[in-house]
N, C-alpha and C. Protein backbone atom coordinates (compact mmCIF):
# COMPACT_ATOMS: atom_id res chain seq x y z
N MET A 1 119.16 106.18 111.61
CA MET A 1 118.39 106.37 110.41
C MET A 1 116.91 106.05 110.68
N THR A 2 116.66 104.96 111.37
CA THR A 2 115.28 104.58 111.69
C THR A 2 114.62 105.63 112.56
N PHE A 3 115.34 106.08 113.57
CA PHE A 3 114.79 107.08 114.48
C PHE A 3 114.48 108.37 113.73
N PHE A 4 115.39 108.81 112.88
CA PHE A 4 115.18 110.04 112.10
C PHE A 4 113.95 109.91 111.20
N ALA A 5 113.84 108.78 110.51
CA ALA A 5 112.68 108.58 109.62
C ALA A 5 111.38 108.56 110.42
N ALA A 6 111.44 108.03 111.64
CA ALA A 6 110.23 107.92 112.45
C ALA A 6 109.73 109.24 112.99
N ILE A 7 110.63 110.19 113.18
CA ILE A 7 110.19 111.48 113.73
C ILE A 7 110.11 112.58 112.69
N SER A 8 110.51 112.30 111.45
CA SER A 8 110.47 113.31 110.40
C SER A 8 109.03 113.54 109.95
N PRO A 9 108.69 114.80 109.69
CA PRO A 9 107.35 115.05 109.16
C PRO A 9 107.22 114.45 107.76
N GLY A 10 106.05 114.08 107.40
CA GLY A 10 105.83 113.51 106.08
C GLY A 10 105.58 112.02 106.18
N GLN A 11 105.00 111.51 105.14
CA GLN A 11 104.59 110.10 105.16
C GLN A 11 105.13 109.37 103.93
N VAL A 12 106.36 109.61 103.55
CA VAL A 12 106.92 109.01 102.34
C VAL A 12 106.87 107.49 102.41
N PHE A 13 107.29 106.93 103.53
CA PHE A 13 107.36 105.47 103.63
C PHE A 13 105.97 104.84 103.70
N SER A 14 105.06 105.43 104.46
CA SER A 14 103.73 104.83 104.58
C SER A 14 102.96 104.95 103.27
N GLN A 15 103.22 106.00 102.49
CA GLN A 15 102.55 106.13 101.21
C GLN A 15 103.02 105.03 100.25
N ALA A 16 104.29 104.63 100.38
CA ALA A 16 104.81 103.56 99.55
C ALA A 16 104.11 102.24 99.85
N LEU A 17 103.58 102.08 101.06
CA LEU A 17 102.87 100.86 101.46
C LEU A 17 101.36 101.10 101.54
N ASN A 18 100.87 102.06 100.76
CA ASN A 18 99.44 102.38 100.73
C ASN A 18 98.91 102.72 102.11
N ASP A 19 99.66 103.49 102.87
CA ASP A 19 99.27 103.97 104.19
C ASP A 19 99.04 102.84 105.20
N ASN A 20 99.67 101.70 105.01
CA ASN A 20 99.56 100.61 105.98
C ASN A 20 100.67 100.79 107.02
N ASP A 21 100.39 101.64 107.97
CA ASP A 21 101.37 102.04 108.98
C ASP A 21 101.85 100.87 109.83
N LYS A 22 100.95 99.99 110.20
CA LYS A 22 101.33 98.86 111.07
C LYS A 22 102.25 97.90 110.33
N LEU A 23 102.01 97.69 109.04
CA LEU A 23 102.88 96.85 108.23
C LEU A 23 104.28 97.46 108.15
N LEU A 24 104.33 98.76 107.98
CA LEU A 24 105.63 99.45 107.94
C LEU A 24 106.37 99.26 109.26
N HIS A 25 105.68 99.45 110.37
CA HIS A 25 106.31 99.24 111.68
C HIS A 25 106.82 97.81 111.80
N GLY A 26 106.01 96.86 111.39
CA GLY A 26 106.41 95.46 111.47
C GLY A 26 107.65 95.16 110.64
N LEU A 27 107.68 95.66 109.41
CA LEU A 27 108.83 95.41 108.54
C LEU A 27 110.11 96.05 109.10
N VAL A 28 109.99 97.28 109.55
CA VAL A 28 111.18 97.96 110.08
C VAL A 28 111.71 97.24 111.31
N PHE A 29 110.84 96.88 112.25
CA PHE A 29 111.33 96.23 113.46
C PHE A 29 111.71 94.77 113.24
N ALA A 30 111.15 94.12 112.24
CA ALA A 30 111.63 92.78 111.88
C ALA A 30 113.05 92.87 111.35
N CYS A 31 113.32 93.85 110.49
CA CYS A 31 114.69 94.04 109.97
C CYS A 31 115.66 94.40 111.08
N LEU A 32 115.27 95.33 111.95
CA LEU A 32 116.15 95.71 113.06
C LEU A 32 116.45 94.51 113.96
N THR A 33 115.43 93.70 114.23
CA THR A 33 115.60 92.54 115.09
C THR A 33 116.55 91.52 114.46
N LEU A 34 116.35 91.25 113.19
CA LEU A 34 117.21 90.29 112.50
C LEU A 34 118.65 90.78 112.45
N LEU A 35 118.83 92.05 112.13
CA LEU A 35 120.18 92.61 112.10
C LEU A 35 120.84 92.56 113.48
N ALA A 36 120.08 92.88 114.51
CA ALA A 36 120.63 92.85 115.88
C ALA A 36 120.98 91.42 116.29
N ARG A 37 120.12 90.46 115.95
CA ARG A 37 120.37 89.06 116.32
C ARG A 37 121.61 88.53 115.62
N ILE A 38 121.79 88.88 114.34
CA ILE A 38 122.97 88.43 113.59
C ILE A 38 124.23 89.12 114.09
N THR A 39 124.12 90.40 114.40
CA THR A 39 125.27 91.17 114.86
C THR A 39 125.70 90.78 116.26
N PHE A 40 124.75 90.49 117.13
CA PHE A 40 125.05 90.14 118.53
C PHE A 40 124.48 88.76 118.86
N PRO A 41 125.06 87.71 118.31
CA PRO A 41 124.47 86.37 118.49
C PRO A 41 124.50 85.87 119.94
N ARG A 42 125.40 86.38 120.74
CA ARG A 42 125.49 85.91 122.13
C ARG A 42 124.64 86.74 123.10
N LEU A 43 124.07 87.81 122.61
CA LEU A 43 123.22 88.65 123.46
C LEU A 43 121.95 87.89 123.80
N ASN A 44 121.56 87.94 125.06
CA ASN A 44 120.34 87.29 125.52
C ASN A 44 119.16 87.79 124.70
N GLY A 45 118.32 86.86 124.23
CA GLY A 45 117.17 87.21 123.40
C GLY A 45 116.19 88.12 124.11
N VAL A 46 116.01 87.90 125.41
CA VAL A 46 115.10 88.76 126.18
C VAL A 46 115.65 90.18 126.23
N ALA A 47 116.95 90.31 126.47
CA ALA A 47 117.56 91.63 126.52
C ALA A 47 117.44 92.33 125.17
N LEU A 48 117.63 91.58 124.10
CA LEU A 48 117.50 92.13 122.76
C LEU A 48 116.07 92.62 122.52
N ALA A 49 115.10 91.79 122.86
CA ALA A 49 113.69 92.15 122.65
C ALA A 49 113.31 93.37 123.48
N VAL A 50 113.74 93.39 124.74
CA VAL A 50 113.41 94.53 125.61
C VAL A 50 114.06 95.81 125.09
N GLY A 51 115.30 95.72 124.66
CA GLY A 51 116.00 96.89 124.13
C GLY A 51 115.31 97.45 122.90
N LEU A 52 114.93 96.57 121.98
CA LEU A 52 114.23 97.03 120.78
C LEU A 52 112.84 97.57 121.10
N ALA A 53 112.17 96.95 122.07
CA ALA A 53 110.85 97.45 122.48
C ALA A 53 110.97 98.84 123.10
N PHE A 54 112.03 99.06 123.88
CA PHE A 54 112.25 100.39 124.44
C PHE A 54 112.55 101.40 123.33
N PHE A 55 113.29 100.98 122.31
CA PHE A 55 113.55 101.86 121.17
C PHE A 55 112.25 102.25 120.48
N GLY A 56 111.36 101.27 120.29
CA GLY A 56 110.06 101.57 119.69
C GLY A 56 109.25 102.52 120.55
N ALA A 57 109.30 102.32 121.87
CA ALA A 57 108.59 103.22 122.79
C ALA A 57 109.18 104.62 122.74
N LEU A 58 110.50 104.72 122.63
CA LEU A 58 111.16 106.03 122.53
C LEU A 58 110.68 106.76 121.28
N ILE A 59 110.56 106.04 120.18
CA ILE A 59 110.05 106.65 118.95
C ILE A 59 108.64 107.19 119.17
N GLU A 60 107.79 106.39 119.76
CA GLU A 60 106.40 106.83 119.97
C GLU A 60 106.33 108.01 120.95
N LEU A 61 107.13 107.98 122.00
CA LEU A 61 107.15 109.10 122.95
C LEU A 61 107.66 110.38 122.29
N THR A 62 108.66 110.25 121.44
CA THR A 62 109.20 111.42 120.74
C THR A 62 108.16 112.00 119.79
N GLN A 63 107.35 111.15 119.20
CA GLN A 63 106.33 111.64 118.26
C GLN A 63 105.22 112.43 118.96
N MET A 64 105.19 112.40 120.29
CA MET A 64 104.20 113.19 121.03
C MET A 64 104.51 114.69 121.00
N PHE A 65 105.76 115.04 120.73
CA PHE A 65 106.13 116.45 120.72
C PHE A 65 105.55 117.12 119.48
N PRO A 66 104.82 118.21 119.67
CA PRO A 66 104.16 118.89 118.54
C PRO A 66 105.13 119.35 117.45
N ALA A 67 106.36 119.64 117.80
CA ALA A 67 107.33 120.14 116.82
C ALA A 67 107.58 119.14 115.70
N PHE A 68 107.38 117.86 115.97
CA PHE A 68 107.65 116.84 114.95
C PHE A 68 106.46 116.58 114.03
N LYS A 69 105.30 117.14 114.37
CA LYS A 69 104.09 117.01 113.56
C LYS A 69 103.77 115.54 113.26
N ARG A 70 103.90 114.71 114.29
CA ARG A 70 103.60 113.28 114.18
C ARG A 70 102.65 112.91 115.31
N GLN A 71 102.05 111.75 115.23
CA GLN A 71 101.16 111.27 116.28
C GLN A 71 101.70 109.98 116.85
N ALA A 72 101.76 109.91 118.16
CA ALA A 72 102.18 108.69 118.83
C ALA A 72 101.00 107.72 118.84
N SER A 73 101.31 106.43 118.83
CA SER A 73 100.24 105.43 118.84
C SER A 73 100.70 104.19 119.60
N PHE A 74 99.88 103.79 120.56
CA PHE A 74 100.16 102.55 121.29
C PHE A 74 100.14 101.37 120.33
N LEU A 75 99.25 101.38 119.34
CA LEU A 75 99.16 100.27 118.39
C LEU A 75 100.41 100.18 117.51
N ASP A 76 101.04 101.31 117.22
CA ASP A 76 102.31 101.27 116.49
C ASP A 76 103.37 100.55 117.32
N TRP A 77 103.43 100.88 118.60
CA TRP A 77 104.40 100.23 119.48
C TRP A 77 104.08 98.75 119.61
N LEU A 78 102.81 98.42 119.68
CA LEU A 78 102.41 97.02 119.75
C LEU A 78 102.83 96.27 118.48
N ALA A 79 102.69 96.90 117.33
CA ALA A 79 103.14 96.30 116.07
C ALA A 79 104.64 96.07 116.09
N ASP A 80 105.39 97.02 116.67
CA ASP A 80 106.84 96.86 116.82
C ASP A 80 107.15 95.61 117.65
N CYS A 81 106.47 95.49 118.78
CA CYS A 81 106.73 94.38 119.70
C CYS A 81 106.36 93.03 119.09
N VAL A 82 105.26 92.98 118.37
CA VAL A 82 104.86 91.73 117.71
C VAL A 82 105.91 91.33 116.67
N ALA A 83 106.39 92.30 115.91
CA ALA A 83 107.42 92.01 114.91
C ALA A 83 108.71 91.53 115.55
N ILE A 84 109.09 92.14 116.66
CA ILE A 84 110.31 91.73 117.38
C ILE A 84 110.19 90.28 117.82
N LEU A 85 109.10 89.95 118.49
CA LEU A 85 108.91 88.59 119.01
C LEU A 85 108.79 87.57 117.89
N ALA A 86 108.06 87.90 116.84
CA ALA A 86 107.89 86.96 115.73
C ALA A 86 109.22 86.71 115.02
N THR A 87 109.99 87.76 114.83
CA THR A 87 111.28 87.61 114.15
C THR A 87 112.24 86.77 114.98
N LEU A 88 112.28 87.01 116.28
CA LEU A 88 113.15 86.20 117.15
C LEU A 88 112.70 84.75 117.15
N ALA A 89 111.41 84.51 117.19
CA ALA A 89 110.90 83.14 117.18
C ALA A 89 111.27 82.42 115.88
N ILE A 90 111.08 83.08 114.76
CA ILE A 90 111.42 82.48 113.47
C ILE A 90 112.92 82.24 113.37
N TYR A 91 113.70 83.23 113.77
CA TYR A 91 115.16 83.10 113.71
C TYR A 91 115.63 81.90 114.52
N HIS A 92 115.16 81.79 115.76
CA HIS A 92 115.61 80.70 116.62
C HIS A 92 115.07 79.35 116.15
N ALA A 93 113.90 79.31 115.55
CA ALA A 93 113.38 78.07 114.98
C ALA A 93 114.26 77.61 113.81
N VAL A 94 114.66 78.53 112.97
CA VAL A 94 115.52 78.19 111.83
C VAL A 94 116.88 77.71 112.34
N VAL A 95 117.44 78.39 113.32
CA VAL A 95 118.73 77.97 113.89
C VAL A 95 118.60 76.58 114.50
N TRP A 96 117.53 76.33 115.23
CA TRP A 96 117.32 75.03 115.85
C TRP A 96 117.17 73.93 114.80
N LEU A 97 116.38 74.20 113.75
CA LEU A 97 116.19 73.22 112.69
C LEU A 97 117.49 72.92 111.95
N ARG A 98 118.26 73.95 111.67
CA ARG A 98 119.54 73.74 110.99
C ARG A 98 120.49 72.94 111.87
N GLY A 99 120.48 73.20 113.16
CA GLY A 99 121.33 72.47 114.09
C GLY A 99 120.94 71.02 114.23
N SER A 100 119.64 70.73 114.21
CA SER A 100 119.19 69.35 114.36
C SER A 100 119.46 68.53 113.11
N ARG A 101 119.57 69.14 111.97
CA ARG A 101 119.88 68.44 110.74
C ARG A 101 121.36 68.09 110.63
N ARG A 102 122.21 68.84 111.28
CA ARG A 102 123.65 68.63 111.18
C ARG A 102 124.14 67.49 112.06
N ARG A 103 123.38 67.13 113.06
CA ARG A 103 123.81 66.07 113.98
C ARG A 103 123.64 64.70 113.34
N PRO A 104 124.68 63.91 113.36
CA PRO A 104 124.54 62.55 112.83
C PRO A 104 123.71 61.69 113.78
N GLU A 105 122.93 60.80 113.19
CA GLU A 105 122.08 59.93 114.01
C GLU A 105 122.74 58.61 114.28
């Protein structure tokens, strides 16, 4: 669904966010990262981040094809990567904090 929305002509989603394309990229990849982390809790975080970053790169590379009437952007991919890393950092901080509170002193 994410891939299809990313290569479809039209700007329905970015118009909903007042054309803030980087914010949209961040929100989408933050959601994907959180869902992936919850779904695959034992998967190495680096592998998860690299996989999602490659997915973001695939989207940008696909947008280079004229048939999709989209524009690829390195900054879009960078926004994806920042969202991935920030979401993983927040997720693991919350898990660590919850774990440290459960231990009896």
